[in-house]
Amino acid sequence: MNIDSKTEVERSHLAQHPHFNTESAFLLFTESTLNKLTKEKLQEGLNLLGCACSTLDAERILARYDADGDSKLSFWEFSNLVLGRDSPLDR
């Protein structure tokens, strides 16, 4: 999947950026960390950020990172998307 390889590259860049935090990133997509991102909000936000995201790409992201199966990304699920498992922030 092309979106997976793009995501991995961007994750690596984000994790190394000294001013990056997941809360600020999440708030680019919605008004509160209590909200959840729908497929449409995810697609819209990524496209606005210059990351070409088709409907199929957004569906694949949700399928991979939606841990509770509600077809939306919570703040914590979004954090798994942008940080990954081997982020310097996890150490």
N, C-alpha and C. Protein backbone atom coordinates (compact mmCIF):
# COMPACT_ATOMS: atom_id res chain seq x y z
N MET A 1 0.83 -1.18 0.00
CA MET A 1 0.00 0.00 0.00
C MET A 1 0.88 1.25 0.00
N ASN A 2 0.60 2.11 -0.92
CA ASN A 2 1.37 3.34 -1.05
C ASN A 2 1.19 4.25 0.16
N ILE A 3 -0.02 4.31 0.69
CA ILE A 3 -0.28 5.18 1.85
C ILE A 3 0.54 4.73 3.06
N ASP A 4 0.76 3.43 3.21
CA ASP A 4 1.55 2.92 4.33
C ASP A 4 2.99 3.38 4.24
N SER A 5 3.58 3.32 3.06
CA SER A 5 4.97 3.76 2.93
C SER A 5 5.09 5.26 3.14
N LYS A 6 4.12 6.02 2.64
CA LYS A 6 4.12 7.48 2.87
C LYS A 6 3.97 7.78 4.36
N THR A 7 3.09 7.04 5.02
CA THR A 7 2.86 7.24 6.45
C THR A 7 4.12 6.97 7.24
N GLU A 8 4.82 5.90 6.91
CA GLU A 8 6.06 5.57 7.63
C GLU A 8 7.11 6.66 7.49
N VAL A 9 7.25 7.20 6.29
CA VAL A 9 8.23 8.27 6.06
C VAL A 9 7.85 9.50 6.87
N GLU A 10 6.57 9.88 6.81
CA GLU A 10 6.12 11.07 7.54
C GLU A 10 6.19 10.88 9.05
N ARG A 11 5.90 9.68 9.53
CA ARG A 11 6.02 9.39 10.97
C ARG A 11 7.44 9.64 11.44
N SER A 12 8.38 9.15 10.68
CA SER A 12 9.79 9.30 11.05
C SER A 12 10.16 10.78 11.13
N HIS A 13 9.72 11.56 10.16
CA HIS A 13 10.01 13.00 10.17
C HIS A 13 9.35 13.69 11.36
N LEU A 14 8.09 13.36 11.62
CA LEU A 14 7.37 13.99 12.73
C LEU A 14 8.02 13.69 14.08
N ALA A 15 8.37 12.44 14.27
CA ALA A 15 8.93 12.02 15.56
C ALA A 15 10.25 12.71 15.85
N GLN A 16 10.96 13.12 14.80
CA GLN A 16 12.25 13.78 14.99
C GLN A 16 12.12 15.29 15.14
N HIS A 17 10.96 15.83 14.84
CA HIS A 17 10.76 17.27 14.93
C HIS A 17 10.59 17.67 16.40
N PRO A 18 11.42 18.58 16.90
CA PRO A 18 11.40 18.91 18.33
C PRO A 18 10.12 19.57 18.82
N HIS A 19 9.36 20.21 17.93
CA HIS A 19 8.16 20.93 18.36
C HIS A 19 6.87 20.18 18.06
N PHE A 20 7.00 18.96 17.57
CA PHE A 20 5.80 18.18 17.24
C PHE A 20 5.15 17.61 18.48
N ASN A 21 3.83 17.67 18.54
CA ASN A 21 3.09 16.93 19.57
C ASN A 21 1.78 16.45 18.97
N THR A 22 1.35 15.30 19.43
CA THR A 22 0.18 14.67 18.84
C THR A 22 -1.10 15.47 19.06
N GLU A 23 -1.20 16.15 20.19
CA GLU A 23 -2.40 16.94 20.45
C GLU A 23 -2.58 18.04 19.41
N SER A 24 -1.53 18.78 19.13
CA SER A 24 -1.62 19.84 18.13
C SER A 24 -1.94 19.28 16.75
N ALA A 25 -1.35 18.14 16.43
CA ALA A 25 -1.63 17.51 15.14
C ALA A 25 -3.09 17.11 15.05
N PHE A 26 -3.62 16.49 16.10
CA PHE A 26 -5.02 16.06 16.11
C PHE A 26 -5.96 17.26 15.96
N LEU A 27 -5.60 18.35 16.60
CA LEU A 27 -6.44 19.55 16.57
C LEU A 27 -6.44 20.24 15.21
N LEU A 28 -5.57 19.82 14.31
CA LEU A 28 -5.63 20.32 12.93
C LEU A 28 -6.84 19.72 12.21
N PHE A 29 -7.34 18.60 12.72
CA PHE A 29 -8.45 17.88 12.10
C PHE A 29 -9.79 18.15 12.77
N THR A 30 -9.78 18.55 14.02
CA THR A 30 -11.01 18.71 14.79
C THR A 30 -10.79 19.73 15.91
N GLU A 31 -11.86 20.08 16.61
CA GLU A 31 -11.79 21.14 17.62
C GLU A 31 -11.36 20.66 19.00
N SER A 32 -11.42 19.36 19.25
CA SER A 32 -11.15 18.86 20.59
C SER A 32 -10.56 17.45 20.52
N THR A 33 -9.70 17.12 21.47
CA THR A 33 -9.16 15.77 21.53
C THR A 33 -10.22 14.77 22.01
N LEU A 34 -11.37 15.27 22.44
CA LEU A 34 -12.47 14.38 22.82
C LEU A 34 -13.27 13.92 21.60
N ASN A 35 -13.13 14.64 20.48
CA ASN A 35 -13.82 14.26 19.25
C ASN A 35 -13.14 13.06 18.62
N LYS A 36 -13.83 12.46 17.68
CA LYS A 36 -13.25 11.37 16.89
C LYS A 36 -13.27 11.77 15.42
N LEU A 37 -12.27 11.31 14.69
CA LEU A 37 -12.17 11.64 13.27
C LEU A 37 -12.90 10.63 12.42
N THR A 38 -13.82 11.12 11.60
CA THR A 38 -14.48 10.27 10.62
C THR A 38 -13.57 10.10 9.41
N LYS A 39 -13.93 9.20 8.54
CA LYS A 39 -13.19 9.00 7.30
C LYS A 39 -13.12 10.31 6.51
N GLU A 40 -14.24 11.02 6.47
CA GLU A 40 -14.30 12.27 5.72
C GLU A 40 -13.40 13.34 6.32
N LYS A 41 -13.41 13.48 7.65
CA LYS A 41 -12.56 14.48 8.33
C LYS A 41 -11.08 14.13 8.14
N LEU A 42 -10.77 12.85 8.23
CA LEU A 42 -9.39 12.41 8.03
C LEU A 42 -8.92 12.74 6.62
N GLN A 43 -9.73 12.39 5.64
CA GLN A 43 -9.39 12.66 4.25
C GLN A 43 -9.26 14.16 3.99
N GLU A 44 -10.21 14.93 4.46
CA GLU A 44 -10.20 16.38 4.29
C GLU A 44 -8.96 17.01 4.92
N GLY A 45 -8.66 16.61 6.14
CA GLY A 45 -7.50 17.17 6.84
C GLY A 45 -6.19 16.82 6.18
N LEU A 46 -6.03 15.58 5.77
CA LEU A 46 -4.78 15.18 5.10
C LEU A 46 -4.62 15.91 3.78
N ASN A 47 -5.70 16.05 3.04
CA ASN A 47 -5.63 16.79 1.77
C ASN A 47 -5.28 18.25 1.99
N LEU A 48 -5.85 18.87 3.03
CA LEU A 48 -5.53 20.27 3.34
C LEU A 48 -4.06 20.44 3.74
N LEU A 49 -3.49 19.39 4.33
CA LEU A 49 -2.09 19.43 4.73
C LEU A 49 -1.14 19.10 3.57
N GLY A 50 -1.71 18.81 2.40
CA GLY A 50 -0.90 18.51 1.23
C GLY A 50 -0.54 17.04 1.09
N CYS A 51 -1.16 16.19 1.88
CA CYS A 51 -0.94 14.74 1.79
C CYS A 51 -2.12 14.17 1.01
N ALA A 52 -1.93 13.91 -0.27
CA ALA A 52 -3.02 13.40 -1.10
C ALA A 52 -3.61 12.14 -0.46
N CYS A 53 -4.89 12.20 -0.16
CA CYS A 53 -5.57 11.10 0.51
C CYS A 53 -6.91 10.85 -0.18
N SER A 54 -7.02 9.71 -0.84
CA SER A 54 -8.28 9.34 -1.49
C SER A 54 -9.22 8.76 -0.46
N THR A 55 -10.45 8.54 -0.86
CA THR A 55 -11.42 7.88 0.02
C THR A 55 -10.92 6.50 0.39
N LEU A 56 -10.36 5.78 -0.57
CA LEU A 56 -9.82 4.44 -0.30
C LEU A 56 -8.66 4.51 0.70
N ASP A 57 -7.79 5.50 0.56
CA ASP A 57 -6.69 5.67 1.51
C ASP A 57 -7.22 5.90 2.92
N ALA A 58 -8.22 6.77 3.05
CA ALA A 58 -8.80 7.06 4.37
C ALA A 58 -9.44 5.80 4.96
N GLU A 59 -10.09 5.02 4.13
CA GLU A 59 -10.69 3.76 4.59
C GLU A 59 -9.61 2.79 5.07
N ARG A 60 -8.51 2.73 4.37
CA ARG A 60 -7.41 1.84 4.76
C ARG A 60 -6.78 2.29 6.07
N ILE A 61 -6.62 3.57 6.24
CA ILE A 61 -6.07 4.10 7.50
C ILE A 61 -6.99 3.72 8.65
N LEU A 62 -8.28 3.94 8.47
CA LEU A 62 -9.24 3.58 9.52
C LEU A 62 -9.21 2.09 9.81
N ALA A 63 -9.16 1.29 8.76
CA ALA A 63 -9.14 -0.16 8.95
C ALA A 63 -7.92 -0.60 9.77
N ARG A 64 -6.83 0.08 9.59
CA ARG A 64 -5.59 -0.29 10.28
C ARG A 64 -5.50 0.25 11.70
N TYR A 65 -5.98 1.47 11.93
CA TYR A 65 -5.74 2.13 13.21
C TYR A 65 -6.97 2.27 14.11
N ASP A 66 -8.13 1.92 13.62
CA ASP A 66 -9.36 2.01 14.41
C ASP A 66 -9.46 0.79 15.33
N ALA A 67 -8.86 0.88 16.49
CA ALA A 67 -8.76 -0.26 17.41
C ALA A 67 -10.10 -0.71 17.98
N ASP A 68 -11.04 0.22 18.18
CA ASP A 68 -12.31 -0.18 18.78
C ASP A 68 -13.40 -0.46 17.75
N GLY A 69 -13.08 -0.35 16.47
CA GLY A 69 -14.00 -0.73 15.42
C GLY A 69 -15.22 0.15 15.23
N ASP A 70 -15.13 1.43 15.64
CA ASP A 70 -16.28 2.33 15.49
C ASP A 70 -16.23 3.18 14.21
N SER A 71 -15.30 2.87 13.34
CA SER A 71 -15.13 3.57 12.05
C SER A 71 -14.72 5.03 12.22
N LYS A 72 -14.08 5.34 13.34
CA LYS A 72 -13.57 6.69 13.62
C LYS A 72 -12.25 6.54 14.36
N LEU A 73 -11.43 7.59 14.30
CA LEU A 73 -10.17 7.58 15.04
C LEU A 73 -10.27 8.48 16.26
N SER A 74 -10.05 7.90 17.41
CA SER A 74 -9.96 8.68 18.65
C SER A 74 -8.58 9.33 18.70
N PHE A 75 -8.38 10.18 19.67
CA PHE A 75 -7.07 10.81 19.85
C PHE A 75 -5.97 9.75 19.99
N TRP A 76 -6.22 8.71 20.77
CA TRP A 76 -5.19 7.68 21.01
C TRP A 76 -4.94 6.84 19.77
N GLU A 77 -5.98 6.56 19.02
CA GLU A 77 -5.80 5.82 17.77
C GLU A 77 -5.02 6.68 16.77
N PHE A 78 -5.34 7.96 16.72
CA PHE A 78 -4.61 8.90 15.86
C PHE A 78 -3.14 8.95 16.27
N SER A 79 -2.89 8.93 17.57
CA SER A 79 -1.51 8.95 18.07
C SER A 79 -0.73 7.74 17.56
N ASN A 80 -1.37 6.58 17.53
CA ASN A 80 -0.71 5.39 16.98
C ASN A 80 -0.41 5.56 15.51
N LEU A 81 -1.29 6.25 14.80
CA LEU A 81 -1.07 6.52 13.38
C LEU A 81 0.16 7.40 13.17
N VAL A 82 0.25 8.51 13.88
CA VAL A 82 1.32 9.47 13.61
C VAL A 82 2.64 9.15 14.29
N LEU A 83 2.61 8.45 15.39
CA LEU A 83 3.86 8.16 16.09
C LEU A 83 4.44 6.79 15.78
N GLY A 84 3.61 5.80 15.61
CA GLY A 84 4.13 4.46 15.38
C GLY A 84 4.73 3.88 16.65
N ARG A 85 5.28 2.70 16.55
CA ARG A 85 5.78 2.00 17.73
C ARG A 85 7.21 2.32 18.10
N ASP A 86 8.01 2.67 17.13
CA ASP A 86 9.43 2.88 17.42
C ASP A 86 9.82 4.36 17.37
N SER A 87 8.91 5.21 17.77
CA SER A 87 9.16 6.63 17.82
C SER A 87 10.14 6.97 18.93
N PRO A 88 11.00 7.97 18.73
CA PRO A 88 11.88 8.43 19.81
C PRO A 88 11.09 8.90 21.02
N LEU A 89 9.83 9.31 20.82
CA LEU A 89 9.02 9.76 21.94
C LEU A 89 8.59 8.61 22.82
N ASP A 90 8.68 7.36 22.32
CA ASP A 90 8.33 6.18 23.10
C ASP A 90 9.47 5.72 24.00
N ARG A 91 10.64 6.24 23.78
CA ARG A 91 11.82 5.77 24.55
C ARG A 91 12.00 6.53 25.82
